Amino acid sequence: MLAKEQPYVRSIDIATELGFSKPSVSVAMKNLRQNGYVQMDDQGHITLTPSGQAIADTMYERHTLLSNWLIYLGVDPRTAAEDACRMEHTLSAESFDAIKRHITHGHELPD
């Protein structure tokens, strides 16, 4: 999501956005690099690899759908975003797909 708001993302941007310590983000970035999900250039700019982008796209779809659904149900937008963030990481693909089918009645969601 940060990459949509600014031209490049650095570890400090992630730490600030998520409220994590810089060392915690540094460890996470190292793990993501080792697993092939991100690349970092000499200036510290972080970019997603194709496999990292695929995961990010999936998580963004989950977050957007769940957050909007909770808001539609009357949940405060801030609470909906926080709850969607937790839900998007724990729902199985089967459960998410069932929720998505129910919400969209089988139609594609607009971007």
Protein backbone atom coordinates (compact mmCIF):
# COMPACT_ATOMS: atom_id res chain seq x y z
CA MET A 1 0.00 0.00 0.00
CA LEU A 2 2.88 2.37 0.72
CA ALA A 3 4.18 1.92 -2.81
CA LYS A 4 0.90 3.33 -4.12
CA GLU A 5 1.36 6.48 -2.02
CA GLN A 6 5.02 7.31 -2.72
CA PRO A 7 7.56 6.66 -5.49
CA TYR A 8 9.69 4.27 -3.44
CA VAL A 9 9.60 2.54 -0.07
CA ARG A 10 12.40 2.19 2.47
CA SER A 11 12.58 0.19 5.70
CA ILE A 12 12.09 3.36 7.75
CA ASP A 13 8.84 4.08 5.85
CA ILE A 14 7.55 0.63 6.75
CA ALA A 15 8.59 1.01 10.39
CA THR A 16 6.85 4.39 10.61
CA GLU A 17 3.68 3.24 8.85
CA LEU A 18 3.27 0.08 10.93
CA GLY A 19 4.63 1.39 14.22
CA PHE A 20 7.39 -1.23 14.40
CA SER A 21 10.97 -0.68 15.47
CA LYS A 22 13.60 -0.24 12.77
CA PRO A 23 15.49 -3.38 13.92
CA SER A 24 12.29 -5.46 13.67
CA VAL A 25 11.66 -4.24 10.14
CA SER A 26 15.30 -4.88 9.24
CA VAL A 27 15.00 -8.52 10.34
CA ALA A 28 11.72 -8.91 8.45
CA MET A 29 13.25 -7.40 5.29
CA LYS A 30 16.20 -9.79 5.54
CA ASN A 31 13.80 -12.75 5.78
CA LEU A 32 11.73 -11.47 2.86
CA ARG A 33 14.88 -11.00 0.74
CA GLN A 34 16.12 -14.49 1.60
CA ASN A 35 12.75 -15.95 0.61
CA GLY A 36 12.77 -14.06 -2.69
CA TYR A 37 9.84 -11.74 -2.00
CA VAL A 38 11.65 -8.37 -2.03
CA GLN A 39 14.74 -6.78 -3.50
CA MET A 40 16.63 -3.81 -2.09
CA ASP A 41 18.89 -1.52 -4.11
CA ASP A 42 22.02 0.28 -2.93
CA GLN A 43 19.93 3.26 -1.78
CA GLY A 44 17.71 1.08 0.40
CA HIS A 45 14.69 1.26 -1.90
CA ILE A 46 12.56 -1.86 -1.53
CA THR A 47 10.70 -3.45 -4.42
CA LEU A 48 8.60 -6.57 -4.56
CA THR A 49 9.66 -9.48 -6.72
CA PRO A 50 6.96 -11.08 -8.91
CA SER A 51 6.25 -13.68 -6.20
CA GLY A 52 6.18 -10.95 -3.54
CA GLN A 53 3.81 -8.88 -5.69
CA ALA A 54 1.48 -11.87 -6.12
CA ILE A 55 1.24 -12.29 -2.35
CA ALA A 56 0.78 -8.54 -1.86
CA ASP A 57 -2.02 -8.47 -4.45
CA THR A 58 -3.79 -11.34 -2.68
CA MET A 59 -3.49 -9.68 0.72
CA TYR A 60 -4.64 -6.31 -0.68
CA GLU A 61 -7.71 -7.94 -2.24
CA ARG A 62 -8.52 -9.67 1.05
CA HIS A 63 -8.03 -6.49 3.08
CA THR A 64 -10.10 -4.32 0.75
CA LEU A 65 -13.00 -6.75 0.48
CA LEU A 66 -13.14 -7.54 4.20
CA SER A 67 -12.74 -3.92 5.28
CA ASN A 68 -15.44 -2.68 2.90
CA TRP A 69 -17.76 -5.49 3.94
CA LEU A 70 -17.37 -4.67 7.63
CA ILE A 71 -18.00 -0.97 6.94
CA TYR A 72 -21.12 -1.94 4.96
CA LEU A 73 -22.27 -3.93 7.99
CA GLY A 74 -21.99 -0.79 10.12
CA VAL A 75 -18.56 -1.25 11.69
CA ASP A 76 -16.58 1.95 12.31
CA PRO A 77 -14.09 2.35 9.41
CA ARG A 78 -11.04 2.35 11.68
CA THR A 79 -12.21 -0.78 13.51
CA ALA A 80 -13.11 -2.39 10.18
CA ALA A 81 -9.60 -1.76 8.82
CA GLU A 82 -7.97 -3.15 11.97
CA ASP A 83 -10.21 -6.23 12.01
CA ALA A 84 -9.74 -6.80 8.27
CA CYS A 85 -5.97 -6.69 8.80
CA ARG A 86 -6.21 -9.51 11.33
CA MET A 87 -8.73 -11.51 9.32
CA GLU A 88 -6.85 -11.32 6.02
CA HIS A 89 -3.92 -13.22 7.50
CA THR A 90 -5.88 -15.98 9.21
CA LEU A 91 -8.69 -16.89 6.81
CA SER A 92 -8.14 -19.93 4.65
CA ALA A 93 -8.43 -19.50 0.90
CA GLU A 94 -11.60 -21.60 0.99
CA SER A 95 -13.28 -19.40 3.60
CA PHE A 96 -12.21 -16.17 1.90
CA ASP A 97 -13.49 -17.40 -1.46
CA ALA A 98 -16.84 -18.34 0.12
CA ILE A 99 -17.15 -14.89 1.73
CA LYS A 100 -16.19 -13.24 -1.56
CA ARG A 101 -18.81 -15.28 -3.48
CA HIS A 102 -21.44 -14.36 -0.89
CA ILE A 103 -20.61 -10.65 -0.94
CA THR A 104 -20.31 -10.35 -4.72
CA HIS A 105 -23.03 -12.86 -5.61
CA GLY A 106 -20.54 -14.38 -8.02
CA HIS A 107 -19.76 -11.11 -9.82
CA GLU A 108 -16.30 -9.60 -10.25
CA LEU A 109 -15.39 -6.76 -7.93
CA PRO A 110 -14.48 -3.41 -9.49
CA ASP A 111 -10.87 -2.31 -9.03
